[in-house]
């Protein structure tokens, strides 16, 4: 069962969309069933915020979602992954910067961590560190994230996909 969400930004005033961005997101698990998450810290036009976020980023011109996913995971984690399945899509927005996002979420198995991280985008530089945690711990940490600003927008976008991934990861670990 795939998820299809359309979410609204109720945190910042709407002044129209100037940009639409395709985004590939990865829920990556390792041999222990732990999931990769980024700890994000920002102090910018969105305010001072700390939250968790799954790896991923924008789809560049000429890339498929899957190609972008593999590139982003290599840049952000220094990892190579096996893309197992698409978990679904989520349309969301950041009103403050006038952007609508067309996200696709993929479940991925970690193959190796032998590549060097190469943080290139402004968003990448918000990553303070990444870690591998049990999925139940990740869901608990998402539940604790503030219910305001970018934090709540990320929480609303990612929590349904993390919950769906829980059963799927258990299935793939048995394979």
N, C-alpha and C. Protein backbone atom coordinates (compact mmCIF):
# COMPACT_ATOMS: atom_id res chain seq x y z
N UNK A 1 0.84 -1.19 0.00
CA UNK A 1 0.00 0.00 0.00
C UNK A 1 0.88 1.24 0.00
N UNK A 2 0.70 2.10 -0.99
CA UNK A 2 1.44 3.35 -1.05
C UNK A 2 0.63 4.47 -0.42
N UNK A 3 1.36 5.44 0.10
CA UNK A 3 0.74 6.62 0.71
C UNK A 3 0.73 7.75 -0.32
N UNK A 4 -0.32 8.53 -0.30
CA UNK A 4 -0.42 9.74 -1.12
C UNK A 4 -0.99 10.85 -0.23
N UNK A 5 -0.16 11.85 0.06
CA UNK A 5 -0.56 12.94 0.96
C UNK A 5 -0.49 14.29 0.25
N UNK A 6 -1.40 15.17 0.62
CA UNK A 6 -1.30 16.58 0.22
C UNK A 6 -1.42 17.37 1.52
N UNK A 7 -0.35 18.08 1.87
CA UNK A 7 -0.27 18.82 3.12
C UNK A 7 -0.18 20.32 2.86
N UNK A 8 -0.73 21.09 3.78
CA UNK A 8 -0.69 22.55 3.68
C UNK A 8 0.27 23.10 4.74
N UNK A 9 0.92 24.19 4.42
CA UNK A 9 1.76 24.91 5.38
C UNK A 9 0.86 25.89 6.13
N UNK A 10 0.60 25.60 7.40
CA UNK A 10 -0.20 26.50 8.23
C UNK A 10 0.68 27.25 9.24
N UNK A 11 1.98 27.22 9.01
CA UNK A 11 2.93 27.85 9.94
C UNK A 11 3.40 29.23 9.49
N UNK A 12 3.37 29.47 8.21
CA UNK A 12 3.89 30.72 7.65
C UNK A 12 2.85 31.29 6.68
N UNK A 13 2.80 32.62 6.52
CA UNK A 13 1.79 33.22 5.63
C UNK A 13 2.01 32.82 4.17
N UNK A 14 0.91 32.60 3.47
CA UNK A 14 0.95 32.21 2.06
C UNK A 14 0.96 33.44 1.17
N UNK A 15 1.92 33.51 0.25
CA UNK A 15 2.00 34.63 -0.69
C UNK A 15 2.15 34.12 -2.12
N UNK A 16 1.70 32.88 -2.35
CA UNK A 16 1.80 32.31 -3.68
C UNK A 16 3.06 31.48 -3.85
N UNK A 17 3.01 30.58 -4.82
CA UNK A 17 4.17 29.73 -5.11
C UNK A 17 4.96 30.32 -6.26
N UNK A 18 6.27 30.40 -6.08
CA UNK A 18 7.17 30.87 -7.12
C UNK A 18 7.96 29.72 -7.72
N UNK A 19 7.90 28.55 -7.04
CA UNK A 19 8.78 27.45 -7.42
C UNK A 19 8.12 26.12 -7.05
N UNK A 20 8.33 25.12 -7.86
CA UNK A 20 7.94 23.75 -7.53
C UNK A 20 9.19 22.90 -7.62
N UNK A 21 9.43 22.12 -6.57
CA UNK A 21 10.67 21.33 -6.49
C UNK A 21 10.32 19.85 -6.31
N UNK A 22 10.91 19.01 -7.14
CA UNK A 22 10.79 17.57 -6.96
C UNK A 22 11.84 17.14 -5.94
N UNK A 23 11.43 16.31 -4.98
CA UNK A 23 12.32 15.89 -3.90
C UNK A 23 12.24 14.37 -3.73
N UNK A 24 13.40 13.72 -3.67
CA UNK A 24 13.48 12.29 -3.41
C UNK A 24 13.94 12.10 -1.97
N UNK A 25 13.20 11.29 -1.19
CA UNK A 25 13.52 11.05 0.21
C UNK A 25 13.72 9.56 0.44
N UNK A 26 14.67 9.23 1.32
CA UNK A 26 15.03 7.84 1.58
C UNK A 26 14.82 7.47 3.04
N UNK A 27 14.13 6.38 3.25
CA UNK A 27 14.12 5.73 4.56
C UNK A 27 15.04 4.54 4.39
N UNK A 28 16.23 4.68 4.95
CA UNK A 28 17.32 3.71 4.75
C UNK A 28 17.49 2.90 6.02
N UNK A 29 17.55 1.59 5.87
CA UNK A 29 17.79 0.74 7.04
C UNK A 29 19.05 -0.09 6.82
N UNK A 30 19.72 -0.39 7.94
CA UNK A 30 20.94 -1.20 7.89
C UNK A 30 20.61 -2.64 8.31
N UNK A 31 21.63 -3.49 8.43
CA UNK A 31 21.43 -4.91 8.74
C UNK A 31 20.79 -5.13 10.11
N UNK A 32 20.91 -4.14 11.01
CA UNK A 32 20.29 -4.25 12.34
C UNK A 32 18.86 -3.74 12.35
N UNK A 33 18.40 -3.22 11.21
CA UNK A 33 17.06 -2.64 11.14
C UNK A 33 17.01 -1.20 11.60
N UNK A 34 18.17 -0.59 11.86
CA UNK A 34 18.22 0.82 12.25
C UNK A 34 18.04 1.71 11.02
N UNK A 35 17.49 2.90 11.26
CA UNK A 35 17.17 3.84 10.19
C UNK A 35 18.07 5.08 10.31
N UNK A 36 18.50 5.59 9.16
CA UNK A 36 19.32 6.80 9.13
C UNK A 36 18.45 8.05 9.24
N UNK A 37 18.85 8.95 10.14
CA UNK A 37 18.19 10.25 10.25
C UNK A 37 19.25 11.34 10.40
N UNK A 38 18.91 12.51 9.91
CA UNK A 38 19.76 13.68 10.07
C UNK A 38 19.23 14.52 11.22
N UNK A 39 20.14 15.06 12.00
CA UNK A 39 19.81 16.07 13.00
C UNK A 39 20.04 17.42 12.33
N UNK A 40 18.97 18.17 12.18
CA UNK A 40 19.01 19.46 11.49
C UNK A 40 18.93 20.58 12.52
N UNK A 41 19.81 21.56 12.37
CA UNK A 41 19.76 22.77 13.20
C UNK A 41 19.80 23.96 12.27
N UNK A 42 18.88 24.87 12.46
CA UNK A 42 18.84 26.05 11.61
C UNK A 42 18.52 27.29 12.43
N UNK A 43 19.04 28.41 11.97
CA UNK A 43 18.72 29.71 12.52
C UNK A 43 18.72 30.67 11.33
N UNK A 44 17.57 30.75 10.65
CA UNK A 44 17.46 31.50 9.41
C UNK A 44 16.08 32.13 9.32
N UNK A 45 15.63 32.43 8.10
CA UNK A 45 14.33 33.09 7.95
C UNK A 45 13.18 32.26 8.50
N UNK A 46 13.36 30.94 8.66
CA UNK A 46 12.33 30.08 9.24
C UNK A 46 12.36 30.12 10.77
N UNK A 47 13.37 30.74 11.33
CA UNK A 47 13.51 30.80 12.79
C UNK A 47 14.55 29.82 13.28
N UNK A 48 14.74 29.80 14.58
CA UNK A 48 15.69 28.88 15.20
C UNK A 48 14.97 27.56 15.43
N UNK A 49 15.46 26.50 14.83
CA UNK A 49 14.77 25.21 14.86
C UNK A 49 15.78 24.07 14.98
N UNK A 50 15.36 22.98 15.62
CA UNK A 50 16.12 21.74 15.68
C UNK A 50 15.11 20.61 15.46
N UNK A 51 15.41 19.73 14.53
CA UNK A 51 14.49 18.64 14.22
C UNK A 51 15.23 17.52 13.49
N UNK A 52 14.54 16.42 13.30
CA UNK A 52 15.08 15.30 12.54
C UNK A 52 14.50 15.33 11.13
N UNK A 53 15.24 14.72 10.20
CA UNK A 53 14.76 14.64 8.83
C UNK A 53 15.40 13.43 8.16
N UNK A 54 14.67 12.81 7.24
CA UNK A 54 15.22 11.69 6.49
C UNK A 54 16.18 12.21 5.42
N UNK A 55 17.13 11.39 4.99
CA UNK A 55 18.03 11.79 3.90
C UNK A 55 17.26 12.02 2.60
N UNK A 56 17.78 12.92 1.80
CA UNK A 56 17.18 13.17 0.49
C UNK A 56 17.33 14.61 0.08
N UNK A 57 16.84 14.90 -1.10
CA UNK A 57 16.94 16.26 -1.60
C UNK A 57 16.39 16.39 -3.00
N UNK A 58 16.68 17.52 -3.61
CA UNK A 58 16.09 17.89 -4.89
C UNK A 58 16.54 17.03 -6.06
N UNK A 59 15.60 16.87 -6.98
CA UNK A 59 15.86 16.15 -8.23
C UNK A 59 16.38 17.18 -9.23
N UNK A 60 17.59 16.97 -9.71
CA UNK A 60 18.19 17.89 -10.68
C UNK A 60 17.64 17.64 -12.08
N UNK A 61 17.79 18.63 -12.94
CA UNK A 61 17.37 18.52 -14.35
C UNK A 61 17.99 17.26 -14.97
N UNK A 62 17.17 16.47 -15.63
CA UNK A 62 17.66 15.27 -16.31
C UNK A 62 17.75 14.03 -15.42
N UNK A 63 17.47 14.18 -14.12
CA UNK A 63 17.52 13.04 -13.20
C UNK A 63 16.13 12.47 -12.98
N UNK A 64 16.07 11.17 -12.74
CA UNK A 64 14.84 10.56 -12.23
C UNK A 64 14.85 10.73 -10.71
N UNK A 65 13.73 10.46 -10.07
CA UNK A 65 13.69 10.48 -8.61
C UNK A 65 14.71 9.49 -8.04
N UNK A 66 14.78 8.30 -8.64
CA UNK A 66 15.70 7.27 -8.13
C UNK A 66 17.16 7.69 -8.28
N UNK A 67 17.50 8.31 -9.41
CA UNK A 67 18.87 8.79 -9.61
C UNK A 67 19.22 9.86 -8.58
N UNK A 68 18.30 10.78 -8.35
CA UNK A 68 18.52 11.84 -7.36
C UNK A 68 18.68 11.25 -5.97
N UNK A 69 17.87 10.25 -5.66
CA UNK A 69 17.93 9.60 -4.35
C UNK A 69 19.32 9.01 -4.11
N UNK A 70 19.83 8.27 -5.07
CA UNK A 70 21.15 7.65 -4.91
C UNK A 70 22.24 8.71 -4.78
N UNK A 71 22.16 9.80 -5.55
CA UNK A 71 23.14 10.88 -5.45
C UNK A 71 23.06 11.57 -4.09
N UNK A 72 21.86 11.91 -3.66
CA UNK A 72 21.68 12.60 -2.38
C UNK A 72 22.17 11.76 -1.19
N UNK A 73 21.88 10.47 -1.21
CA UNK A 73 22.30 9.59 -0.12
C UNK A 73 23.83 9.50 -0.09
N UNK A 74 24.44 9.45 -1.24
CA UNK A 74 25.91 9.43 -1.29
C UNK A 74 26.49 10.74 -0.77
N UNK A 75 25.89 11.87 -1.16
CA UNK A 75 26.38 13.17 -0.71
C UNK A 75 26.21 13.34 0.81
N UNK A 76 25.03 12.99 1.32
CA UNK A 76 24.70 13.28 2.72
C UNK A 76 25.23 12.25 3.71
N UNK A 77 25.29 10.99 3.31
CA UNK A 77 25.70 9.93 4.24
C UNK A 77 26.99 9.22 3.84
N UNK A 78 27.44 9.43 2.61
CA UNK A 78 28.57 8.65 2.11
C UNK A 78 28.17 7.20 1.92
N UNK A 79 26.91 6.97 1.57
CA UNK A 79 26.37 5.61 1.50
C UNK A 79 25.93 5.24 0.09
N UNK A 80 25.98 3.95 -0.16
CA UNK A 80 25.36 3.36 -1.35
C UNK A 80 24.20 2.52 -0.85
N UNK A 81 23.08 2.60 -1.56
CA UNK A 81 21.88 1.89 -1.13
C UNK A 81 21.28 1.08 -2.26
N UNK A 82 20.46 0.13 -1.87
CA UNK A 82 19.62 -0.61 -2.80
C UNK A 82 18.21 -0.06 -2.62
N UNK A 83 17.67 0.51 -3.68
CA UNK A 83 16.30 1.03 -3.62
C UNK A 83 15.36 -0.17 -3.74
N UNK A 84 14.53 -0.38 -2.71
CA UNK A 84 13.65 -1.54 -2.66
C UNK A 84 12.25 -1.25 -3.18
N UNK A 85 11.70 -0.12 -2.79
CA UNK A 85 10.34 0.20 -3.25
C UNK A 85 10.02 1.66 -2.96
N UNK A 86 9.07 2.17 -3.73
CA UNK A 86 8.53 3.51 -3.48
C UNK A 86 7.39 3.35 -2.47
N UNK A 87 7.46 4.12 -1.39
CA UNK A 87 6.43 4.07 -0.35
C UNK A 87 5.27 5.02 -0.65
N UNK A 88 5.48 5.94 -1.56
CA UNK A 88 4.41 6.86 -1.93
C UNK A 88 4.91 8.28 -2.12
N UNK A 89 3.95 9.19 -2.15
CA UNK A 89 4.28 10.59 -2.45
C UNK A 89 3.59 11.53 -1.47
N UNK A 90 4.17 12.71 -1.39
CA UNK A 90 3.62 13.75 -0.51
C UNK A 90 3.87 15.11 -1.16
N UNK A 91 2.80 15.84 -1.37
CA UNK A 91 2.92 17.22 -1.83
C UNK A 91 2.82 18.09 -0.59
N UNK A 92 3.84 18.92 -0.38
CA UNK A 92 3.82 19.85 0.75
C UNK A 92 4.38 21.18 0.29
N UNK A 93 4.44 22.14 1.21
CA UNK A 93 4.86 23.48 0.82
C UNK A 93 5.61 24.17 1.94
N UNK A 94 6.44 25.12 1.52
CA UNK A 94 7.08 26.06 2.44
C UNK A 94 6.64 27.45 1.98
N UNK A 95 5.57 27.95 2.61
CA UNK A 95 5.01 29.24 2.21
C UNK A 95 6.03 30.37 2.29
N UNK A 96 6.88 30.34 3.31
CA UNK A 96 7.81 31.44 3.54
C UNK A 96 8.73 31.69 2.35
N UNK A 97 9.08 30.64 1.63
CA UNK A 97 9.95 30.80 0.46
C UNK A 97 9.18 30.57 -0.85
N UNK A 98 7.86 30.43 -0.76
CA UNK A 98 7.03 30.31 -1.95
C UNK A 98 7.28 29.06 -2.75
N UNK A 99 7.52 27.92 -2.06
CA UNK A 99 7.86 26.69 -2.78
C UNK A 99 6.91 25.55 -2.44
N UNK A 100 6.46 24.88 -3.49
CA UNK A 100 5.71 23.64 -3.36
C UNK A 100 6.69 22.50 -3.63
N UNK A 101 6.61 21.44 -2.81
CA UNK A 101 7.49 20.27 -2.95
C UNK A 101 6.68 19.06 -3.38
N UNK A 102 7.21 18.34 -4.35
CA UNK A 102 6.63 17.08 -4.79
C UNK A 102 7.58 15.98 -4.36
N UNK A 103 7.32 15.41 -3.17
CA UNK A 103 8.21 14.42 -2.55
C UNK A 103 7.80 13.00 -2.94
N UNK A 104 8.80 12.16 -3.19
CA UNK A 104 8.59 10.72 -3.29
C UNK A 104 9.49 10.08 -2.25
N UNK A 105 8.91 9.15 -1.49
CA UNK A 105 9.62 8.44 -0.43
C UNK A 105 9.94 7.02 -0.89
N UNK A 106 11.19 6.61 -0.65
CA UNK A 106 11.65 5.28 -1.04
C UNK A 106 12.20 4.55 0.18
N UNK A 107 11.94 3.26 0.22
CA UNK A 107 12.56 2.40 1.23
C UNK A 107 13.82 1.82 0.61
N UNK A 108 14.93 1.95 1.34
CA UNK A 108 16.23 1.53 0.82
C UNK A 108 16.98 0.71 1.86
N UNK A 109 17.75 -0.24 1.36
CA UNK A 109 18.63 -1.04 2.21
C UNK A 109 20.06 -0.51 2.03
N UNK A 110 20.75 -0.30 3.15
CA UNK A 110 22.14 0.15 3.09
C UNK A 110 23.00 -0.96 2.49
N UNK A 111 23.79 -0.61 1.47
CA UNK A 111 24.76 -1.56 0.90
C UNK A 111 26.12 -1.37 1.56
N UNK A 112 26.59 -0.12 1.60
CA UNK A 112 27.86 0.17 2.26
C UNK A 112 27.98 1.66 2.54
N UNK A 113 28.93 1.97 3.42
CA UNK A 113 29.22 3.36 3.81
C UNK A 113 30.64 3.72 3.44
N UNK A 114 31.05 3.42 2.22
CA UNK A 114 32.46 3.62 1.87
C UNK A 114 32.75 4.90 1.12
N UNK A 115 31.74 5.66 0.79
CA UNK A 115 31.97 6.90 0.06
C UNK A 115 32.13 8.07 1.04
N UNK A 116 32.87 9.06 0.63
CA UNK A 116 33.02 10.26 1.47
C UNK A 116 31.77 11.13 1.35
N UNK A 117 31.37 11.74 2.45
CA UNK A 117 30.27 12.70 2.40
C UNK A 117 30.70 13.89 1.56
N UNK A 118 29.75 14.46 0.88
CA UNK A 118 30.05 15.63 0.05
C UNK A 118 28.85 16.56 0.14
N UNK A 119 28.78 17.34 1.22
CA UNK A 119 27.64 18.22 1.46
C UNK A 119 27.77 19.44 0.56
N UNK A 120 26.84 19.56 -0.39
CA UNK A 120 26.99 20.60 -1.40
C UNK A 120 25.93 21.70 -1.36
N UNK A 121 24.71 21.37 -0.94
CA UNK A 121 23.65 22.37 -1.00
C UNK A 121 23.54 23.14 0.32
N UNK A 122 22.79 24.22 0.28
CA UNK A 122 22.53 24.99 1.49
C UNK A 122 21.80 24.12 2.52
N UNK A 123 20.87 23.29 2.05
CA UNK A 123 20.16 22.37 2.94
C UNK A 123 21.09 21.35 3.57
N UNK A 124 22.07 20.86 2.80
CA UNK A 124 23.03 19.89 3.33
C UNK A 124 23.81 20.48 4.50
N UNK A 125 24.10 21.76 4.42
CA UNK A 125 24.90 22.39 5.47
C UNK A 125 24.12 22.58 6.78
N UNK A 126 22.82 22.33 6.75
CA UNK A 126 22.01 22.37 7.97
C UNK A 126 22.14 21.07 8.77
N UNK A 127 22.70 20.05 8.14
CA UNK A 127 22.87 18.75 8.80
C UNK A 127 24.01 18.86 9.81
N UNK A 128 23.68 18.74 11.09
CA UNK A 128 24.71 18.78 12.12
C UNK A 128 25.39 17.43 12.27
N UNK A 129 24.60 16.38 12.24
CA UNK A 129 25.14 15.03 12.22
C UNK A 129 24.02 14.07 11.84
N UNK A 130 24.43 12.87 11.47
CA UNK A 130 23.49 11.82 11.10
C UNK A 130 23.74 10.64 12.01
N UNK A 131 22.69 9.85 12.24
CA UNK A 131 22.87 8.65 13.05
C UNK A 131 21.89 7.58 12.63
N UNK A 132 22.19 6.37 13.07
CA UNK A 132 21.36 5.21 12.82
C UNK A 132 20.67 4.85 14.13
N UNK A 133 19.34 4.80 14.10
CA UNK A 133 18.56 4.53 15.30
C UNK A 133 17.49 3.49 15.00
N UNK A 134 17.07 2.73 16.03
CA UNK A 134 15.92 1.84 15.83
C UNK A 134 14.71 2.68 15.39
N UNK A 135 13.90 2.12 14.51
CA UNK A 135 12.77 2.87 13.97
C UNK A 135 11.80 3.32 15.06
N UNK A 136 11.58 2.50 16.08
CA UNK A 136 10.71 2.93 17.18
C UNK A 136 11.26 4.17 17.88
N UNK A 137 12.57 4.24 18.03
CA UNK A 137 13.21 5.41 18.64
C UNK A 137 13.03 6.63 17.74
N UNK A 138 13.20 6.43 16.43
CA UNK A 138 13.00 7.53 15.49
C UNK A 138 11.58 8.07 15.60
N UNK A 139 10.59 7.17 15.62
CA UNK A 139 9.20 7.61 15.74
C UNK A 139 8.94 8.35 17.06
N UNK A 140 9.55 7.88 18.14
CA UNK A 140 9.43 8.58 19.42
C UNK A 140 10.03 9.98 19.35
N UNK A 141 11.18 10.08 18.70
CA UNK A 141 11.86 11.39 18.58
C UNK A 141 11.06 12.33 17.68
N UNK A 142 10.48 11.82 16.61
CA UNK A 142 9.62 12.66 15.75
C UNK A 142 8.43 13.18 16.56
N UNK A 143 7.83 12.32 17.39
CA UNK A 143 6.68 12.72 18.20
C UNK A 143 7.05 13.86 19.16
N UNK A 144 8.30 13.92 19.60
CA UNK A 144 8.76 14.96 20.52
C UNK A 144 9.13 16.27 19.82
N UNK A 145 9.25 16.24 18.49
CA UNK A 145 9.64 17.46 17.78
C UNK A 145 8.58 18.54 18.00
N UNK A 146 9.00 19.81 18.06
CA UNK A 146 8.04 20.90 18.29
C UNK A 146 6.92 20.91 17.25
N UNK A 147 5.75 21.29 17.69
CA UNK A 147 4.59 21.39 16.80
C UNK A 147 4.43 22.80 16.27
N UNK A 148 5.54 23.32 15.76
CA UNK A 148 5.53 24.66 15.17
C UNK A 148 6.67 24.78 14.18
N UNK A 149 6.52 25.73 13.27
CA UNK A 149 7.57 26.01 12.30
C UNK A 149 7.86 24.85 11.37
N UNK A 150 9.07 24.82 10.86
CA UNK A 150 9.48 23.78 9.92
C UNK A 150 9.41 22.41 10.57
N UNK A 151 9.70 22.33 11.85
CA UNK A 151 9.68 21.07 12.58
C UNK A 151 8.36 20.32 12.40
N UNK A 152 7.25 21.00 12.59
CA UNK A 152 5.95 20.33 12.48
C UNK A 152 5.65 19.99 11.02
N UNK A 153 6.12 20.81 10.08
CA UNK A 153 5.91 20.49 8.66
C UNK A 153 6.65 19.22 8.28
N UNK A 154 7.88 19.07 8.75
CA UNK A 154 8.66 17.86 8.48
C UNK A 154 8.03 16.66 9.18
N UNK A 155 7.61 16.83 10.42
CA UNK A 155 6.97 15.75 11.17
C UNK A 155 5.73 15.24 10.45
N UNK A 156 4.87 16.13 9.99
CA UNK A 156 3.65 15.74 9.28
C UNK A 156 3.97 15.00 7.98
N UNK A 157 5.01 15.45 7.30
CA UNK A 157 5.38 14.86 6.02
C UNK A 157 5.97 13.47 6.19
N UNK A 158 6.84 13.30 7.18
CA UNK A 158 7.64 12.08 7.24
C UNK A 158 7.08 10.97 8.13
N UNK A 159 6.35 11.31 9.18
CA UNK A 159 5.88 10.30 10.12
C UNK A 159 5.04 9.20 9.45
N UNK A 160 4.10 9.53 8.56
CA UNK A 160 3.33 8.44 7.94
C UNK A 160 4.20 7.45 7.15
N UNK A 161 5.24 7.94 6.50
CA UNK A 161 6.12 7.07 5.72
C UNK A 161 7.01 6.22 6.64
N UNK A 162 7.44 6.80 7.74
CA UNK A 162 8.22 6.02 8.71
C UNK A 162 7.38 4.91 9.31
N UNK A 163 6.12 5.19 9.61
CA UNK A 163 5.23 4.16 10.15
C UNK A 163 4.99 3.04 9.14
N UNK A 164 4.78 3.40 7.88
CA UNK A 164 4.62 2.40 6.83
C UNK A 164 5.88 1.56 6.68
N UNK A 165 7.04 2.21 6.77
CA UNK A 165 8.31 1.52 6.60
C UNK A 165 8.55 0.46 7.67
N UNK A 166 7.97 0.64 8.84
CA UNK A 166 8.21 -0.28 9.95
C UNK A 166 7.92 -1.73 9.56
N UNK A 167 6.75 -1.99 9.03
CA UNK A 167 6.40 -3.35 8.61
C UNK A 167 7.20 -3.81 7.41
N UNK A 168 7.50 -2.89 6.53
CA UNK A 168 8.25 -3.25 5.32
C UNK A 168 9.69 -3.62 5.67
N UNK A 169 10.29 -2.91 6.60
CA UNK A 169 11.66 -3.22 7.02
C UNK A 169 11.71 -4.62 7.65
N UNK A 170 10.74 -4.93 8.48
CA UNK A 170 10.68 -6.27 9.09
C UNK A 170 10.60 -7.34 8.00
N UNK A 171 9.82 -7.09 6.98
CA UNK A 171 9.71 -8.04 5.86
C UNK A 171 11.06 -8.23 5.16
N UNK A 172 11.73 -7.13 4.82
CA UNK A 172 12.99 -7.21 4.08
C UNK A 172 14.12 -7.80 4.93
N UNK A 173 14.10 -7.60 6.22
CA UNK A 173 15.15 -8.18 7.07
C UNK A 173 15.05 -9.70 7.10
N UNK A 174 13.87 -10.24 6.85
CA UNK A 174 13.69 -11.69 6.81
C UNK A 174 14.15 -12.30 5.48
N UNK A 175 14.32 -11.47 4.48
CA UNK A 175 14.72 -11.96 3.13
C UNK A 175 16.17 -12.38 3.08
